[in-house]
Each structure stands twice: as C-alpha cells, then as structure tokens.
Amino acid sequence: MGRLAGFSYREVTRKISKLGFEFYRSAKGDHEIWIDRTNNLKTTIPHHREIKEGTLRAILRQAKIDVDDFLNI
C-alpha cells in the first residue's frame, strides 16, 4: 500500500477544499465535479466510501495538486 491508500471520500474533499476547491455540481452516477475558481481547474471525485490510490493520484494530477501538499494538509 502506498502513501495515498485508504483515504475516504470525506477526507479527500476536506483536504482539497482547504487547497481552494469547492463543490461545483453532481455528475453522472455517484461522481461530483469540484472546481478551483482562482486557477480555473476542475476535477471529478467519485463519492465512494474509500477512494483507491490510483484514482486519488488521477484526481490530484487533474487538479494539479502535489502529493506532498495533499498529505501535509
């Protein structure tokens, strides 16, 4: 298991909201669009109990958030 394994939906959304993202709208199925209006960035987050490590890495890459910044929040 890597450093990004085992994060829940609630933990992920709490951390990215501290990094400037806010809920924008619901998407297809159980997914949500989150947006950072200052940097004009969007990311899609699945509303699952636990977010897999690869999925979380993709979310952070799409949001242009460094892994260390995410972990240190």
C-alpha atoms as a PDB file:
ATOM      1  CA  MET A   1       0.000   0.000   0.000  1.00  0.00           C
ATOM      2  CA  GLY A   2       1.255   3.425  -0.942  1.00  0.00           C
ATOM      3  CA  ARG A   3       1.064   6.782   0.725  1.00  0.00           C
ATOM      4  CA  LEU A   4      -2.296   7.600  -0.866  1.00  0.00           C
ATOM      5  CA  ALA A   5      -4.082   4.377   0.009  1.00  0.00           C
ATOM      6  CA  GLY A   6      -7.028   4.292   2.395  1.00  0.00           C
ATOM      7  CA  PHE A   7      -8.434   7.819   2.066  1.00  0.00           C
ATOM      8  CA  SER A   8     -12.191   8.178   2.369  1.00  0.00           C
ATOM      9  CA  TYR A   9     -14.334  10.488   0.236  1.00  0.00           C
ATOM     10  CA  ARG A  10     -14.816  12.771   3.227  1.00  0.00           C
ATOM     11  CA  GLU A  11     -11.067  13.079   3.895  1.00  0.00           C
ATOM     12  CA  VAL A  12     -10.298  13.811   0.246  1.00  0.00           C
ATOM     13  CA  THR A  13     -12.951  16.504  -0.090  1.00  0.00           C
ATOM     14  CA  ARG A  14     -11.908  18.113   3.204  1.00  0.00           C
ATOM     15  CA  LYS A  15      -8.287  18.295   2.056  1.00  0.00           C
ATOM     16  CA  ILE A  16      -8.963  19.634  -1.444  1.00  0.00           C
ATOM     17  CA  SER A  17     -11.381  22.221  -0.107  1.00  0.00           C
ATOM     18  CA  LYS A  18      -8.549  23.503   2.097  1.00  0.00           C
ATOM     19  CA  LEU A  19      -6.475  23.745  -1.097  1.00  0.00           C
ATOM     20  CA  GLY A  20      -9.040  26.049  -2.744  1.00  0.00           C
ATOM     21  CA  PHE A  21     -11.518  23.694  -4.402  1.00  0.00           C
ATOM     22  CA  GLU A  22     -15.274  23.824  -3.872  1.00  0.00           C
ATOM     23  CA  PHE A  23     -18.182  21.618  -4.877  1.00  0.00           C
ATOM     24  CA  TYR A  24     -19.448  22.671  -8.312  1.00  0.00           C
ATOM     25  CA  ARG A  25     -22.094  20.130  -9.330  1.00  0.00           C
ATOM     26  CA  SER A  26     -23.091  16.495  -9.395  1.00  0.00           C
ATOM     27  CA  ALA A  27     -22.002  14.442 -12.362  1.00  0.00           C
ATOM     28  CA  LYS A  28     -23.107  11.140 -13.799  1.00  0.00           C
ATOM     29  CA  GLY A  29     -23.728   8.396 -11.260  1.00  0.00           C
ATOM     30  CA  ASP A  30     -22.041   8.934  -7.924  1.00  0.00           C
ATOM     31  CA  HIS A  31     -19.420  11.407  -9.137  1.00  0.00           C
ATOM     32  CA  GLU A  32     -19.016  15.098  -8.332  1.00  0.00           C
ATOM     33  CA  ILE A  33     -17.250  17.969 -10.078  1.00  0.00           C
ATOM     34  CA  TRP A  34     -15.089  20.172  -7.845  1.00  0.00           C
ATOM     35  CA  ILE A  35     -13.679  23.471  -9.085  1.00  0.00           C
ATOM     36  CA  ASP A  36     -10.903  25.891  -8.144  1.00  0.00           C
ATOM     37  CA  ARG A  37     -12.136  29.222  -9.479  1.00  0.00           C
ATOM     38  CA  THR A  38      -8.881  31.105  -8.859  1.00  0.00           C
ATOM     39  CA  ASN A  39      -6.829  28.748 -11.062  1.00  0.00           C
ATOM     40  CA  ASN A  40      -9.716  27.678 -13.336  1.00  0.00           C
ATOM     41  CA  LEU A  41      -9.193  23.972 -12.591  1.00  0.00           C
ATOM     42  CA  LYS A  42     -11.773  21.170 -12.383  1.00  0.00           C
ATOM     43  CA  THR A  43     -11.558  17.651 -11.042  1.00  0.00           C
ATOM     44  CA  THR A  44     -14.007  14.780 -10.751  1.00  0.00           C
ATOM     45  CA  ILE A  45     -14.298  12.934  -7.443  1.00  0.00           C
ATOM     46  CA  PRO A  46     -16.245   9.686  -7.018  1.00  0.00           C
ATOM     47  CA  HIS A  47     -18.488   9.610  -3.959  1.00  0.00           C
ATOM     48  CA  HIS A  48     -17.252   6.216  -2.712  1.00  0.00           C
ATOM     49  CA  ARG A  49     -16.544   5.141   0.847  1.00  0.00           C
ATOM     50  CA  GLU A  50     -12.859   4.643   0.083  1.00  0.00           C
ATOM     51  CA  ILE A  51     -11.037   6.087  -2.916  1.00  0.00           C
ATOM     52  CA  LYS A  52      -8.415   3.808  -4.440  1.00  0.00           C
ATOM     53  CA  GLU A  53      -4.831   5.011  -4.639  1.00  0.00           C
ATOM     54  CA  GLY A  54      -4.715   5.171  -8.457  1.00  0.00           C
ATOM     55  CA  THR A  55      -7.967   7.106  -8.570  1.00  0.00           C
ATOM     56  CA  LEU A  56      -6.718   9.576  -5.975  1.00  0.00           C
ATOM     57  CA  ARG A  57      -3.477  10.071  -7.929  1.00  0.00           C
ATOM     58  CA  ALA A  58      -5.549  10.843 -11.033  1.00  0.00           C
ATOM     59  CA  ILE A  59      -7.678  13.328  -9.073  1.00  0.00           C
ATOM     60  CA  LEU A  60      -4.584  15.113  -7.786  1.00  0.00           C
ATOM     61  CA  ARG A  61      -2.976  15.142 -11.239  1.00  0.00           C
ATOM     62  CA  GLN A  62      -6.136  16.607 -12.780  1.00  0.00           C
ATOM     63  CA  ALA A  63      -6.309  19.247 -10.032  1.00  0.00           C
ATOM     64  CA  LYS A  64      -2.561  19.993 -10.304  1.00  0.00           C
ATOM     65  CA  ILE A  65      -2.076  19.272  -6.582  1.00  0.00           C
ATOM     66  CA  ASP A  66       1.279  17.910  -5.444  1.00  0.00           C
ATOM     67  CA  VAL A  67       1.040  14.671  -3.448  1.00  0.00           C
ATOM     68  CA  ASP A  68       3.132  16.104  -0.601  1.00  0.00           C
ATOM     69  CA  ASP A  69       0.903  19.203  -0.413  1.00  0.00           C
ATOM     70  CA  PHE A  70      -2.155  16.951  -0.215  1.00  0.00           C
ATOM     71  CA  LEU A  71      -0.662  14.776   2.522  1.00  0.00           C
ATOM     72  CA  ASN A  72       0.574  17.725   4.600  1.00  0.00           C
ATOM     73  CA  ILE A  73      -2.806  19.488   4.763  1.00  0.00           C
END
